[in-house]
N, C-alpha and C. Protein backbone atom coordinates (compact mmCIF):
# COMPACT_ATOMS: atom_id res chain seq x y z
N MET A 1 0.84 -1.17 0.00
CA MET A 1 0.00 0.00 0.00
C MET A 1 0.89 1.24 0.00
N SER A 2 0.65 2.12 -0.92
CA SER A 2 1.44 3.35 -0.96
C SER A 2 0.71 4.46 -0.20
N GLN A 3 1.48 5.26 0.50
CA GLN A 3 0.89 6.37 1.23
C GLN A 3 0.79 7.59 0.33
N VAL A 4 -0.24 8.35 0.55
CA VAL A 4 -0.44 9.58 -0.20
C VAL A 4 -0.23 10.74 0.76
N ASN A 5 0.61 11.67 0.38
CA ASN A 5 0.83 12.85 1.21
C ASN A 5 -0.27 13.86 0.93
N LEU A 6 -1.19 13.99 1.87
CA LEU A 6 -2.34 14.86 1.68
C LEU A 6 -2.00 16.35 1.80
N TRP A 7 -0.83 16.68 2.39
CA TRP A 7 -0.49 18.08 2.62
C TRP A 7 -0.24 18.85 1.33
N THR A 8 -0.04 18.18 0.23
CA THR A 8 0.12 18.89 -1.03
C THR A 8 -1.23 19.30 -1.60
N SER A 9 -2.30 18.81 -1.01
CA SER A 9 -3.66 19.16 -1.45
C SER A 9 -4.14 20.41 -0.73
N ALA A 10 -4.56 21.40 -1.49
CA ALA A 10 -5.10 22.64 -0.89
C ALA A 10 -6.32 22.32 -0.04
N GLU A 11 -7.14 21.40 -0.49
CA GLU A 11 -8.34 21.03 0.26
C GLU A 11 -7.99 20.50 1.65
N HIS A 12 -7.00 19.63 1.72
CA HIS A 12 -6.59 19.07 3.01
C HIS A 12 -6.00 20.14 3.92
N ALA A 13 -5.13 20.99 3.38
CA ALA A 13 -4.51 22.05 4.18
C ALA A 13 -5.57 23.00 4.73
N LEU A 14 -6.52 23.38 3.91
CA LEU A 14 -7.58 24.29 4.36
C LEU A 14 -8.50 23.62 5.37
N TRP A 15 -8.76 22.33 5.19
CA TRP A 15 -9.56 21.57 6.16
C TRP A 15 -8.88 21.61 7.53
N TYR A 16 -7.56 21.37 7.55
CA TYR A 16 -6.82 21.40 8.81
C TYR A 16 -6.88 22.78 9.46
N LEU A 17 -6.64 23.81 8.68
CA LEU A 17 -6.65 25.17 9.24
C LEU A 17 -8.02 25.52 9.81
N ALA A 18 -9.08 25.04 9.19
CA ALA A 18 -10.43 25.33 9.68
C ALA A 18 -10.71 24.67 11.02
N LYS A 19 -10.10 23.52 11.29
CA LYS A 19 -10.37 22.82 12.55
C LYS A 19 -9.26 22.98 13.58
N ALA A 20 -8.14 23.59 13.20
CA ALA A 20 -6.96 23.64 14.07
C ALA A 20 -7.22 24.25 15.44
N ASP A 21 -8.02 25.29 15.51
CA ASP A 21 -8.27 25.93 16.80
C ASP A 21 -9.05 25.03 17.76
N GLY A 22 -9.69 24.01 17.22
CA GLY A 22 -10.47 23.10 18.06
C GLY A 22 -9.70 21.87 18.52
N ILE A 23 -8.42 21.78 18.21
CA ILE A 23 -7.63 20.62 18.63
C ILE A 23 -7.48 20.65 20.15
N PRO A 24 -7.86 19.55 20.82
CA PRO A 24 -7.78 19.53 22.28
C PRO A 24 -6.37 19.82 22.79
N HIS A 25 -6.29 20.64 23.80
CA HIS A 25 -5.06 20.97 24.51
C HIS A 25 -4.03 21.71 23.64
N ARG A 26 -4.47 22.25 22.53
CA ARG A 26 -3.54 22.97 21.66
C ARG A 26 -2.94 24.18 22.38
N THR A 27 -3.77 24.96 23.04
CA THR A 27 -3.25 26.16 23.71
C THR A 27 -2.27 25.80 24.82
N GLU A 28 -2.51 24.67 25.50
CA GLU A 28 -1.58 24.24 26.54
C GLU A 28 -0.22 23.90 25.93
N GLY A 29 -0.24 23.19 24.81
CA GLY A 29 1.01 22.86 24.12
C GLY A 29 1.74 24.09 23.64
N GLU A 30 0.99 25.04 23.11
CA GLU A 30 1.61 26.28 22.65
C GLU A 30 2.20 27.07 23.82
N ALA A 31 1.54 27.03 24.97
CA ALA A 31 2.06 27.72 26.15
C ALA A 31 3.39 27.12 26.59
N VAL A 32 3.52 25.80 26.50
CA VAL A 32 4.78 25.14 26.86
C VAL A 32 5.88 25.59 25.90
N LEU A 33 5.57 25.65 24.62
CA LEU A 33 6.55 26.11 23.63
C LEU A 33 7.02 27.53 23.98
N LEU A 34 6.09 28.41 24.27
CA LEU A 34 6.44 29.80 24.59
C LEU A 34 7.32 29.88 25.84
N GLU A 35 7.09 29.00 26.80
CA GLU A 35 7.91 28.98 28.02
C GLU A 35 9.31 28.44 27.76
N GLU A 36 9.43 27.47 26.88
CA GLU A 36 10.70 26.78 26.68
C GLU A 36 11.67 27.51 25.74
N VAL A 37 11.15 28.31 24.83
CA VAL A 37 12.03 29.03 23.90
C VAL A 37 12.50 30.31 24.61
N PRO A 38 13.80 30.47 24.80
CA PRO A 38 14.31 31.64 25.51
C PRO A 38 13.89 32.96 24.85
N LYS A 39 13.63 33.96 25.67
CA LYS A 39 13.22 35.27 25.15
C LYS A 39 14.35 35.94 24.36
N ASN A 40 15.60 35.58 24.66
CA ASN A 40 16.74 36.21 23.99
C ASN A 40 17.29 35.37 22.83
N VAL A 41 16.52 34.41 22.35
CA VAL A 41 16.95 33.59 21.23
C VAL A 41 17.23 34.49 20.02
N LYS A 42 18.23 34.13 19.25
CA LYS A 42 18.61 34.95 18.08
C LYS A 42 17.95 34.48 16.79
N ARG A 43 17.82 33.14 16.65
CA ARG A 43 17.27 32.58 15.41
C ARG A 43 16.36 31.40 15.74
N ILE A 44 15.33 31.23 14.91
CA ILE A 44 14.41 30.11 15.06
C ILE A 44 14.22 29.47 13.69
N LEU A 45 14.32 28.15 13.66
CA LEU A 45 14.03 27.37 12.47
C LEU A 45 12.75 26.60 12.74
N ASP A 46 11.73 26.81 11.91
CA ASP A 46 10.45 26.13 12.07
C ASP A 46 10.25 25.20 10.88
N VAL A 47 10.53 23.91 11.09
CA VAL A 47 10.39 22.91 10.04
C VAL A 47 8.95 22.39 10.09
N GLY A 48 8.27 22.49 8.99
CA GLY A 48 6.85 22.13 8.96
C GLY A 48 6.01 23.26 9.52
N THR A 49 6.34 24.47 9.11
CA THR A 49 5.74 25.67 9.69
C THR A 49 4.24 25.80 9.47
N GLY A 50 3.71 25.12 8.45
CA GLY A 50 2.28 25.30 8.17
C GLY A 50 2.01 26.73 7.79
N ASP A 51 1.03 27.33 8.42
CA ASP A 51 0.70 28.73 8.11
C ASP A 51 1.50 29.71 8.95
N GLY A 52 2.45 29.21 9.75
CA GLY A 52 3.31 30.09 10.55
C GLY A 52 2.74 30.46 11.89
N ARG A 53 1.71 29.76 12.32
CA ARG A 53 1.04 30.10 13.58
C ARG A 53 2.00 30.13 14.76
N LEU A 54 2.83 29.08 14.91
CA LEU A 54 3.73 29.02 16.07
C LEU A 54 4.80 30.10 16.00
N LEU A 55 5.34 30.35 14.82
CA LEU A 55 6.31 31.45 14.70
C LEU A 55 5.67 32.78 15.05
N GLY A 56 4.43 32.96 14.62
CA GLY A 56 3.70 34.19 14.95
C GLY A 56 3.57 34.37 16.45
N LEU A 57 3.25 33.28 17.15
CA LEU A 57 3.16 33.36 18.62
C LEU A 57 4.50 33.69 19.24
N LEU A 58 5.56 33.03 18.78
CA LEU A 58 6.89 33.28 19.32
C LEU A 58 7.33 34.72 19.07
N LYS A 59 6.99 35.25 17.92
CA LYS A 59 7.43 36.61 17.58
C LYS A 59 6.68 37.69 18.36
N CYS A 60 5.58 37.35 19.01
CA CYS A 60 4.89 38.33 19.85
C CYS A 60 5.81 38.86 20.95
N ASP A 61 6.57 37.94 21.57
CA ASP A 61 7.49 38.31 22.65
C ASP A 61 8.91 38.49 22.16
N ARG A 62 9.17 38.10 20.93
CA ARG A 62 10.52 38.15 20.37
C ARG A 62 10.45 38.77 18.97
N PRO A 63 10.01 40.00 18.85
CA PRO A 63 9.72 40.56 17.52
C PRO A 63 10.91 40.67 16.60
N ASN A 64 12.11 40.73 17.13
CA ASN A 64 13.29 40.91 16.28
C ASN A 64 14.03 39.63 15.98
N VAL A 65 13.51 38.49 16.46
CA VAL A 65 14.19 37.22 16.21
C VAL A 65 14.18 36.93 14.71
N GLU A 66 15.28 36.39 14.23
CA GLU A 66 15.41 36.01 12.82
C GLU A 66 14.83 34.60 12.67
N CYS A 67 13.92 34.40 11.71
CA CYS A 67 13.24 33.12 11.57
C CYS A 67 13.32 32.59 10.15
N VAL A 68 13.41 31.28 10.07
CA VAL A 68 13.29 30.57 8.80
C VAL A 68 12.13 29.61 8.96
N ALA A 69 11.14 29.74 8.09
CA ALA A 69 9.95 28.89 8.10
C ALA A 69 9.99 27.99 6.88
N ILE A 70 9.95 26.68 7.11
CA ILE A 70 10.06 25.72 6.01
C ILE A 70 8.81 24.84 5.97
N ASP A 71 8.29 24.63 4.76
CA ASP A 71 7.17 23.72 4.55
C ASP A 71 7.19 23.29 3.09
N PHE A 72 6.37 22.30 2.74
CA PHE A 72 6.28 21.89 1.34
C PHE A 72 4.87 22.01 0.79
N SER A 73 3.91 22.31 1.64
CA SER A 73 2.53 22.46 1.20
C SER A 73 2.36 23.84 0.55
N PRO A 74 2.01 23.88 -0.74
CA PRO A 74 1.83 25.18 -1.39
C PRO A 74 0.80 26.06 -0.68
N THR A 75 -0.26 25.47 -0.20
CA THR A 75 -1.30 26.25 0.49
C THR A 75 -0.77 26.82 1.80
N MET A 76 -0.07 26.01 2.57
CA MET A 76 0.48 26.48 3.85
C MET A 76 1.55 27.54 3.60
N LEU A 77 2.39 27.34 2.61
CA LEU A 77 3.41 28.33 2.29
C LEU A 77 2.80 29.67 1.92
N GLU A 78 1.72 29.63 1.15
CA GLU A 78 1.03 30.87 0.78
C GLU A 78 0.51 31.59 2.02
N LYS A 79 -0.10 30.83 2.94
CA LYS A 79 -0.61 31.42 4.19
C LYS A 79 0.52 32.01 5.03
N ALA A 80 1.65 31.29 5.12
CA ALA A 80 2.79 31.79 5.89
C ALA A 80 3.37 33.05 5.25
N ARG A 81 3.46 33.06 3.94
CA ARG A 81 3.99 34.26 3.25
C ARG A 81 3.09 35.46 3.48
N ILE A 82 1.79 35.25 3.48
CA ILE A 82 0.85 36.35 3.76
C ILE A 82 1.03 36.82 5.20
N ARG A 83 1.10 35.87 6.14
CA ARG A 83 1.24 36.21 7.57
C ARG A 83 2.48 37.07 7.82
N PHE A 84 3.60 36.73 7.16
CA PHE A 84 4.87 37.40 7.43
C PHE A 84 5.30 38.36 6.33
N ALA A 85 4.38 38.77 5.50
CA ALA A 85 4.71 39.64 4.36
C ALA A 85 5.41 40.93 4.78
N ASP A 86 5.06 41.46 5.93
CA ASP A 86 5.64 42.73 6.38
C ASP A 86 6.77 42.54 7.39
N ASP A 87 7.24 41.32 7.55
CA ASP A 87 8.28 41.05 8.54
C ASP A 87 9.57 40.63 7.83
N PRO A 88 10.54 41.55 7.73
CA PRO A 88 11.79 41.23 7.03
C PRO A 88 12.66 40.21 7.75
N ASN A 89 12.30 39.86 9.00
CA ASN A 89 13.08 38.90 9.78
C ASN A 89 12.62 37.46 9.59
N VAL A 90 11.62 37.26 8.74
CA VAL A 90 11.12 35.90 8.48
C VAL A 90 11.34 35.54 7.02
N THR A 91 12.02 34.42 6.80
CA THR A 91 12.23 33.90 5.46
C THR A 91 11.40 32.62 5.36
N VAL A 92 10.52 32.56 4.36
CA VAL A 92 9.69 31.39 4.13
C VAL A 92 10.26 30.62 2.95
N ILE A 93 10.53 29.34 3.17
CA ILE A 93 11.20 28.51 2.17
C ILE A 93 10.37 27.26 1.88
N GLU A 94 10.25 26.95 0.60
CA GLU A 94 9.63 25.69 0.21
C GLU A 94 10.72 24.62 0.18
N HIS A 95 10.45 23.52 0.87
CA HIS A 95 11.42 22.40 0.87
C HIS A 95 10.70 21.12 1.19
């Protein structure tokens, strides 16, 4: 049986984004991330960035941190590029 990567499908990516806020304990997990990443961090690499939600949260307290956001989903990359369009410290890369 071959696996199909659904993340290349715009329909799948948009379906996930529509339900993402309802994922149980998501905010608790995000709070742990915010606590664990030092406030004085210089650079962040986000592999599988999706729409950039987690980088956006991290940049609230660390606005000048240099970030590289990597994903392969065209839909997610488009959303991340829109989110960070005005932020010269974020580079969004397809990989």
